[in-house]
Amino acid sequence: MTSTTRPGFATWPALRYRDARAAIAFLTDVLGFEAVAVYGEGDRVDHAELRWTGSGGAPGGVMLGSVREDSVIAGLPAGIGAVYLAVDDDAIEAIFDRARQSAGRVVEALRDEDHGGRGFTVLDPEGVYWSVGTYAGHSG
């Protein structure tokens, strides 16, 4: 992969994991990300790019990697963060079911939100909060 720009991608949370390969498996198998780039050897992940298109094709993504002392974000502890994923109404039940059956821990069950839509929150195996909901933000 040689391109460094992707139109439409505006925000890229960057996360560190003690077991980045397991995190990639959780994010792809449970939440529905697509791993488009994973660099590193063995258990180490130097850089991974996971693409998210869960809400009507609206693009997004997350970058992650293994804990490494030579990283510019070496001071950021592993398993720290909170990310919101907007999904289509017809997808949230299936994602919630996968989350309940996963190695993650559902900390807030699927519910109607006061601000509109439905959502839930799951902790991934290392403790990052992933809130998933049908609220895609204000359009005005």
N, C-alpha and C. Protein backbone atom coordinates (compact mmCIF):
# COMPACT_ATOMS: atom_id res chain seq x y z
N MET A 1 0.84 -1.16 0.00
CA MET A 1 0.00 0.00 0.00
C MET A 1 0.89 1.23 0.00
N THR A 2 0.77 2.06 -1.03
CA THR A 2 1.66 3.21 -1.13
C THR A 2 0.95 4.53 -0.97
N SER A 3 -0.36 4.57 -1.09
CA SER A 3 -1.09 5.82 -0.97
C SER A 3 -1.11 6.28 0.48
N THR A 4 -0.98 7.58 0.70
CA THR A 4 -1.03 8.12 2.05
C THR A 4 -2.26 8.98 2.27
N THR A 5 -3.10 9.14 1.27
CA THR A 5 -4.32 9.92 1.44
C THR A 5 -5.52 9.11 0.99
N ARG A 6 -6.62 9.31 1.67
CA ARG A 6 -7.89 8.66 1.34
C ARG A 6 -8.98 9.70 1.52
N PRO A 7 -9.57 10.16 0.43
CA PRO A 7 -10.65 11.14 0.55
C PRO A 7 -11.77 10.62 1.43
N GLY A 8 -12.33 11.49 2.26
CA GLY A 8 -13.46 11.13 3.09
C GLY A 8 -13.10 10.65 4.48
N PHE A 9 -11.86 10.31 4.76
CA PHE A 9 -11.46 9.89 6.09
C PHE A 9 -10.95 11.11 6.84
N ALA A 10 -11.63 11.45 7.93
CA ALA A 10 -11.27 12.67 8.63
C ALA A 10 -10.65 12.42 10.00
N THR A 11 -11.10 11.39 10.73
CA THR A 11 -10.63 11.16 12.08
C THR A 11 -10.13 9.73 12.20
N TRP A 12 -8.94 9.59 12.75
CA TRP A 12 -8.32 8.29 12.92
C TRP A 12 -7.88 8.10 14.37
N PRO A 13 -8.72 7.54 15.22
CA PRO A 13 -8.24 7.22 16.57
C PRO A 13 -7.05 6.28 16.46
N ALA A 14 -6.06 6.46 17.32
CA ALA A 14 -4.88 5.61 17.35
C ALA A 14 -4.82 4.93 18.71
N LEU A 15 -4.77 3.60 18.71
CA LEU A 15 -4.82 2.83 19.94
C LEU A 15 -3.62 1.90 20.03
N ARG A 16 -3.21 1.60 21.27
CA ARG A 16 -2.12 0.66 21.52
C ARG A 16 -2.68 -0.53 22.28
N TYR A 17 -2.20 -1.72 21.93
CA TYR A 17 -2.66 -2.94 22.57
C TYR A 17 -1.47 -3.81 22.95
N ARG A 18 -1.60 -4.52 24.09
CA ARG A 18 -0.60 -5.53 24.46
C ARG A 18 -0.66 -6.70 23.47
N ASP A 19 -1.86 -7.07 23.01
CA ASP A 19 -2.04 -8.12 22.02
C ASP A 19 -2.81 -7.54 20.84
N ALA A 20 -2.10 -6.84 19.97
CA ALA A 20 -2.73 -6.14 18.85
C ALA A 20 -3.39 -7.11 17.87
N ARG A 21 -2.83 -8.28 17.69
CA ARG A 21 -3.44 -9.24 16.76
C ARG A 21 -4.80 -9.70 17.29
N ALA A 22 -4.93 -9.90 18.59
CA ALA A 22 -6.22 -10.27 19.18
C ALA A 22 -7.20 -9.10 19.06
N ALA A 23 -6.71 -7.87 19.22
CA ALA A 23 -7.58 -6.70 19.07
C ALA A 23 -8.11 -6.61 17.64
N ILE A 24 -7.26 -6.86 16.67
CA ILE A 24 -7.70 -6.84 15.27
C ILE A 24 -8.78 -7.89 15.05
N ALA A 25 -8.59 -9.08 15.60
CA ALA A 25 -9.60 -10.14 15.45
C ALA A 25 -10.93 -9.72 16.08
N PHE A 26 -10.90 -9.11 17.27
CA PHE A 26 -12.12 -8.65 17.92
C PHE A 26 -12.81 -7.59 17.08
N LEU A 27 -12.05 -6.62 16.61
CA LEU A 27 -12.64 -5.51 15.87
C LEU A 27 -13.21 -5.95 14.51
N THR A 28 -12.59 -6.91 13.88
CA THR A 28 -13.10 -7.38 12.58
C THR A 28 -14.23 -8.40 12.78
N ASP A 29 -14.03 -9.39 13.63
CA ASP A 29 -15.01 -10.46 13.80
C ASP A 29 -16.26 -10.02 14.55
N VAL A 30 -16.11 -9.16 15.55
CA VAL A 30 -17.24 -8.78 16.40
C VAL A 30 -17.89 -7.48 15.93
N LEU A 31 -17.09 -6.43 15.73
CA LEU A 31 -17.68 -5.13 15.41
C LEU A 31 -17.82 -4.87 13.92
N GLY A 32 -17.11 -5.60 13.08
CA GLY A 32 -17.31 -5.47 11.64
C GLY A 32 -16.33 -4.58 10.90
N PHE A 33 -15.20 -4.25 11.51
CA PHE A 33 -14.16 -3.52 10.79
C PHE A 33 -13.58 -4.40 9.69
N GLU A 34 -12.92 -3.76 8.72
CA GLU A 34 -12.17 -4.47 7.69
C GLU A 34 -10.69 -4.11 7.85
N ALA A 35 -9.85 -5.11 8.05
CA ALA A 35 -8.41 -4.88 8.15
C ALA A 35 -7.87 -4.67 6.74
N VAL A 36 -7.43 -3.45 6.44
CA VAL A 36 -6.92 -3.16 5.10
C VAL A 36 -5.40 -3.09 5.05
N ALA A 37 -4.75 -2.99 6.20
CA ALA A 37 -3.29 -3.02 6.26
C ALA A 37 -2.86 -3.46 7.65
N VAL A 38 -1.96 -4.43 7.71
CA VAL A 38 -1.39 -4.88 8.97
C VAL A 38 0.09 -5.12 8.71
N TYR A 39 0.95 -4.36 9.41
CA TYR A 39 2.39 -4.47 9.23
C TYR A 39 3.02 -4.93 10.55
N GLY A 40 3.96 -5.83 10.46
CA GLY A 40 4.65 -6.34 11.63
C GLY A 40 4.90 -7.82 11.46
N GLU A 41 5.71 -8.37 12.35
CA GLU A 41 6.05 -9.78 12.26
C GLU A 41 5.69 -10.48 13.56
N GLY A 42 5.27 -11.74 13.44
CA GLY A 42 4.94 -12.52 14.62
C GLY A 42 3.78 -11.88 15.37
N ASP A 43 3.92 -11.80 16.69
CA ASP A 43 2.88 -11.21 17.53
C ASP A 43 2.85 -9.68 17.45
N ARG A 44 3.96 -9.07 17.01
CA ARG A 44 4.08 -7.61 16.98
C ARG A 44 3.34 -7.02 15.78
N VAL A 45 2.59 -5.95 16.04
CA VAL A 45 1.95 -5.18 14.97
C VAL A 45 2.54 -3.78 15.04
N ASP A 46 3.29 -3.41 14.01
CA ASP A 46 3.89 -2.08 13.96
C ASP A 46 2.85 -1.03 13.60
N HIS A 47 1.93 -1.39 12.72
CA HIS A 47 0.87 -0.46 12.29
C HIS A 47 -0.24 -1.29 11.65
N ALA A 48 -1.47 -0.98 12.03
CA ALA A 48 -2.63 -1.60 11.38
C ALA A 48 -3.65 -0.51 11.08
N GLU A 49 -4.29 -0.65 9.94
CA GLU A 49 -5.37 0.26 9.53
C GLU A 49 -6.62 -0.58 9.36
N LEU A 50 -7.65 -0.24 10.11
CA LEU A 50 -8.92 -0.93 10.01
C LEU A 50 -9.97 0.07 9.52
N ARG A 51 -10.67 -0.29 8.49
CA ARG A 51 -11.67 0.59 7.87
C ARG A 51 -13.04 0.29 8.44
N TRP A 52 -13.83 1.35 8.62
CA TRP A 52 -15.20 1.24 9.14
C TRP A 52 -16.15 1.88 8.14
N THR A 53 -17.15 1.15 7.70
CA THR A 53 -18.18 1.70 6.81
C THR A 53 -19.55 1.27 7.30
N GLY A 54 -19.78 1.36 8.60
CA GLY A 54 -20.99 0.82 9.19
C GLY A 54 -22.24 1.64 9.08
N SER A 55 -22.21 2.87 8.66
CA SER A 55 -23.41 3.69 8.62
C SER A 55 -23.62 4.24 7.22
N GLY A 56 -24.38 3.51 6.43
CA GLY A 56 -24.70 3.97 5.10
C GLY A 56 -23.49 4.21 4.23
N GLY A 57 -22.41 3.51 4.49
CA GLY A 57 -21.20 3.67 3.69
C GLY A 57 -20.35 4.86 4.11
N ALA A 58 -20.73 5.58 5.19
CA ALA A 58 -19.92 6.70 5.66
C ALA A 58 -18.58 6.16 6.13
N PRO A 59 -17.46 6.63 5.59
CA PRO A 59 -16.16 6.05 5.92
C PRO A 59 -15.62 6.51 7.26
N GLY A 60 -14.76 5.71 7.79
CA GLY A 60 -14.04 6.03 9.01
C GLY A 60 -12.96 4.98 9.19
N GLY A 61 -12.24 5.07 10.27
CA GLY A 61 -11.21 4.07 10.49
C GLY A 61 -10.52 4.25 11.82
N VAL A 62 -9.70 3.28 12.15
CA VAL A 62 -8.91 3.30 13.36
C VAL A 62 -7.53 2.74 13.01
N MET A 63 -6.52 3.30 13.64
CA MET A 63 -5.17 2.76 13.52
C MET A 63 -4.80 2.18 14.87
N LEU A 64 -4.05 1.09 14.84
CA LEU A 64 -3.61 0.49 16.10
C LEU A 64 -2.30 -0.23 15.91
N GLY A 65 -1.68 -0.55 17.02
CA GLY A 65 -0.43 -1.28 16.98
C GLY A 65 -0.10 -1.83 18.35
N SER A 66 0.96 -2.60 18.38
CA SER A 66 1.46 -3.17 19.62
C SER A 66 2.13 -2.10 20.47
N VAL A 67 2.16 -2.32 21.76
CA VAL A 67 2.91 -1.46 22.66
C VAL A 67 4.38 -1.54 22.25
N ARG A 68 4.97 -0.36 21.97
CA ARG A 68 6.37 -0.29 21.56
C ARG A 68 6.99 0.95 22.18
N GLU A 69 8.15 0.81 22.77
CA GLU A 69 8.82 1.94 23.40
C GLU A 69 9.35 2.95 22.38
N ASP A 70 9.55 2.54 21.12
CA ASP A 70 10.06 3.47 20.11
C ASP A 70 8.94 4.21 19.38
N SER A 71 7.70 4.06 19.83
CA SER A 71 6.57 4.73 19.21
C SER A 71 6.44 6.17 19.72
N VAL A 72 5.96 7.06 18.86
CA VAL A 72 5.73 8.44 19.28
C VAL A 72 4.65 8.52 20.37
N ILE A 73 3.78 7.51 20.45
CA ILE A 73 2.76 7.49 21.50
C ILE A 73 3.09 6.46 22.58
N ALA A 74 4.37 6.26 22.83
CA ALA A 74 4.83 5.28 23.82
C ALA A 74 4.27 5.57 25.21
N GLY A 75 3.97 6.82 25.52
CA GLY A 75 3.45 7.16 26.83
C GLY A 75 1.97 6.86 27.01
N LEU A 76 1.29 6.50 25.94
CA LEU A 76 -0.13 6.17 26.01
C LEU A 76 -0.27 4.73 26.48
N PRO A 77 -0.96 4.50 27.60
CA PRO A 77 -1.12 3.12 28.07
C PRO A 77 -1.93 2.28 27.09
N ALA A 78 -1.67 0.98 27.10
CA ALA A 78 -2.45 0.06 26.27
C ALA A 78 -3.86 -0.06 26.82
N GLY A 79 -4.81 -0.35 25.94
CA GLY A 79 -6.18 -0.60 26.35
C GLY A 79 -6.91 0.59 26.90
N ILE A 80 -6.55 1.81 26.46
CA ILE A 80 -7.19 3.03 26.92
C ILE A 80 -7.87 3.69 25.74
N GLY A 81 -9.13 4.06 25.90
CA GLY A 81 -9.81 4.79 24.85
C GLY A 81 -11.30 4.52 24.86
N ALA A 82 -12.02 5.36 24.13
CA ALA A 82 -13.45 5.21 23.94
C ALA A 82 -13.76 5.68 22.53
N VAL A 83 -14.42 4.83 21.75
CA VAL A 83 -14.72 5.13 20.36
C VAL A 83 -16.20 4.88 20.11
N TYR A 84 -16.84 5.75 19.34
CA TYR A 84 -18.25 5.56 18.95
C TYR A 84 -18.31 5.16 17.49
N LEU A 85 -19.12 4.14 17.19
CA LEU A 85 -19.32 3.67 15.82
C LEU A 85 -20.78 3.85 15.45
N ALA A 86 -21.04 4.58 14.38
CA ALA A 86 -22.41 4.75 13.88
C ALA A 86 -22.72 3.60 12.92
N VAL A 87 -23.86 2.95 13.14
CA VAL A 87 -24.27 1.81 12.32
C VAL A 87 -25.69 2.03 11.80
N ASP A 88 -26.03 1.31 10.76
CA ASP A 88 -27.38 1.35 10.22
C ASP A 88 -28.35 0.65 11.18
N ASP A 89 -29.61 1.10 11.17
CA ASP A 89 -30.64 0.52 12.04
C ASP A 89 -30.73 -1.00 11.89
N ASP A 90 -30.61 -1.49 10.66
CA ASP A 90 -30.78 -2.93 10.44
C ASP A 90 -29.56 -3.75 10.82
N ALA A 91 -28.47 -3.13 11.25
CA ALA A 91 -27.25 -3.87 11.60
C ALA A 91 -27.02 -3.98 13.10
N ILE A 92 -27.64 -3.12 13.89
CA ILE A 92 -27.26 -3.03 15.30
C ILE A 92 -27.58 -4.30 16.09
N GLU A 93 -28.68 -4.97 15.81
CA GLU A 93 -29.03 -6.20 16.54
C GLU A 93 -27.97 -7.28 16.34
N ALA A 94 -27.52 -7.48 15.10
CA ALA A 94 -26.53 -8.51 14.81
C ALA A 94 -25.19 -8.18 15.48
N ILE A 95 -24.79 -6.92 15.45
CA ILE A 95 -23.53 -6.53 16.09
C ILE A 95 -23.63 -6.72 17.60
N PHE A 96 -24.77 -6.35 18.19
CA PHE A 96 -24.97 -6.54 19.62
C PHE A 96 -24.91 -8.02 19.99
N ASP A 97 -25.53 -8.88 19.19
CA ASP A 97 -25.49 -10.32 19.45
C ASP A 97 -24.06 -10.84 19.41
N ARG A 98 -23.27 -10.40 18.41
CA ARG A 98 -21.86 -10.83 18.34
C ARG A 98 -21.09 -10.32 19.56
N ALA A 99 -21.35 -9.09 19.98
CA ALA A 99 -20.66 -8.53 21.15
C ALA A 99 -20.97 -9.33 22.41
N ARG A 100 -22.23 -9.72 22.59
CA ARG A 100 -22.62 -10.51 23.78
C ARG A 100 -21.94 -11.87 23.80
N GLN A 101 -21.64 -12.43 22.63
CA GLN A 101 -21.04 -13.76 22.53
C GLN A 101 -19.52 -13.72 22.44
N SER A 102 -18.95 -12.53 22.50
CA SER A 102 -17.51 -12.37 22.27
C SER A 102 -16.73 -12.41 23.58
N ALA A 103 -15.41 -12.23 23.44
CA ALA A 103 -14.53 -12.13 24.60
C ALA A 103 -14.61 -10.76 25.26
N GLY A 104 -15.33 -9.83 24.63
CA GLY A 104 -15.54 -8.52 25.21
C GLY A 104 -16.59 -8.59 26.31
N ARG A 105 -16.83 -7.45 26.97
CA ARG A 105 -17.81 -7.41 28.05
C ARG A 105 -18.78 -6.27 27.77
N VAL A 106 -20.05 -6.61 27.58
CA VAL A 106 -21.08 -5.59 27.36
C VAL A 106 -21.28 -4.86 28.69
N VAL A 107 -21.06 -3.54 28.69
CA VAL A 107 -21.21 -2.75 29.91
C VAL A 107 -22.49 -1.91 29.89
N GLU A 108 -23.09 -1.78 28.73
CA GLU A 108 -24.40 -1.14 28.63
C GLU A 108 -25.15 -1.85 27.51
N ALA A 109 -26.28 -2.45 27.87
CA ALA A 109 -27.06 -3.25 26.91
C ALA A 109 -27.70 -2.35 25.86
N LEU A 110 -28.14 -2.97 24.79
CA LEU A 110 -28.83 -2.26 23.71
C LEU A 110 -30.05 -1.55 24.29
N ARG A 111 -30.15 -0.25 23.99
CA ARG A 111 -31.22 0.57 24.57
C ARG A 111 -31.55 1.71 23.64
N ASP A 112 -32.72 2.33 23.89
CA ASP A 112 -33.09 3.56 23.18
C ASP A 112 -32.34 4.71 23.83
N GLU A 113 -31.79 5.60 23.02
CA GLU A 113 -31.02 6.75 23.51
C GLU A 113 -31.92 7.96 23.67
N ASP A 114 -31.67 8.80 24.67
CA ASP A 114 -32.43 10.03 24.87
C ASP A 114 -32.28 10.98 23.68
N HIS A 115 -31.13 10.99 23.05
CA HIS A 115 -30.86 11.91 21.95
C HIS A 115 -31.26 11.32 20.59
N GLY A 116 -31.86 10.14 20.60
CA GLY A 116 -32.31 9.50 19.36
C GLY A 116 -31.50 8.27 19.04
N GLY A 117 -32.11 7.33 18.37
CA GLY A 117 -31.44 6.11 17.98
C GLY A 117 -31.37 5.08 19.09
N ARG A 118 -30.63 4.04 18.82
CA ARG A 118 -30.40 2.96 19.77
C ARG A 118 -28.93 2.69 19.84
N GLY A 119 -28.45 2.15 20.97
CA GLY A 119 -27.04 1.86 21.09
C GLY A 119 -26.69 0.97 22.25
N PHE A 120 -25.41 0.55 22.30
CA PHE A 120 -24.87 -0.25 23.39
C PHE A 120 -23.38 0.03 23.49
N THR A 121 -22.76 -0.42 24.59
CA THR A 121 -21.32 -0.24 24.78
C THR A 121 -20.70 -1.56 25.22
N VAL A 122 -19.58 -1.91 24.59
CA VAL A 122 -18.84 -3.11 24.93
C VAL A 122 -17.39 -2.74 25.18
N LEU A 123 -16.78 -3.37 26.17
CA LEU A 123 -15.34 -3.24 26.41
C LEU A 123 -14.66 -4.34 25.61
N ASP A 124 -13.62 -3.98 24.84
CA ASP A 124 -12.88 -5.03 24.16
C ASP A 124 -12.02 -5.77 25.19
N PRO A 125 -11.38 -6.87 24.82
CA PRO A 125 -10.63 -7.67 25.80
C PRO A 125 -9.54 -6.92 26.56
N GLU A 126 -9.06 -5.78 26.04
CA GLU A 126 -8.04 -5.02 26.77
C GLU A 126 -8.58 -3.78 27.46
N GLY A 127 -9.88 -3.51 27.33
CA GLY A 127 -10.49 -2.43 28.09
C GLY A 127 -10.86 -1.18 27.34
N VAL A 128 -10.73 -1.14 26.02
CA VAL A 128 -11.18 0.01 25.25
C VAL A 128 -12.70 -0.04 25.14
N TYR A 129 -13.36 1.09 25.37
CA TYR A 129 -14.82 1.18 25.27
C TYR A 129 -15.21 1.41 23.82
N TRP A 130 -16.10 0.58 23.29
CA TRP A 130 -16.64 0.72 21.94
C TRP A 130 -18.14 0.90 22.06
N SER A 131 -18.62 2.12 21.85
CA SER A 131 -20.05 2.38 21.85
C SER A 131 -20.53 2.27 20.40
N VAL A 132 -21.62 1.56 20.21
CA VAL A 132 -22.16 1.29 18.88
C VAL A 132 -23.60 1.77 18.89
N GLY A 133 -23.97 2.60 17.92
CA GLY A 133 -25.32 3.11 17.91
C GLY A 133 -25.79 3.55 16.54
N THR A 134 -27.08 3.79 16.46
CA THR A 134 -27.69 4.19 15.20
C THR A 134 -27.73 5.71 15.04
N TYR A 135 -27.30 6.45 16.04
CA TYR A 135 -27.25 7.91 15.96
C TYR A 135 -25.99 8.31 15.20
N ALA A 136 -26.18 8.99 14.08
CA ALA A 136 -25.04 9.35 13.24
C ALA A 136 -24.70 10.83 13.31
N GLY A 137 -25.20 11.53 14.31
CA GLY A 137 -24.89 12.95 14.46
C GLY A 137 -25.91 13.84 13.78
N HIS A 138 -25.87 15.12 14.12
CA HIS A 138 -26.76 16.10 13.50
C HIS A 138 -26.34 16.38 12.08
N SER A 139 -27.29 16.61 11.22
CA SER A 139 -26.97 16.93 9.84
C SER A 139 -27.10 18.41 9.57
N GLY A 140 -27.34 19.20 10.58
CA GLY A 140 -27.54 20.62 10.35
C GLY A 140 -26.57 21.50 10.98
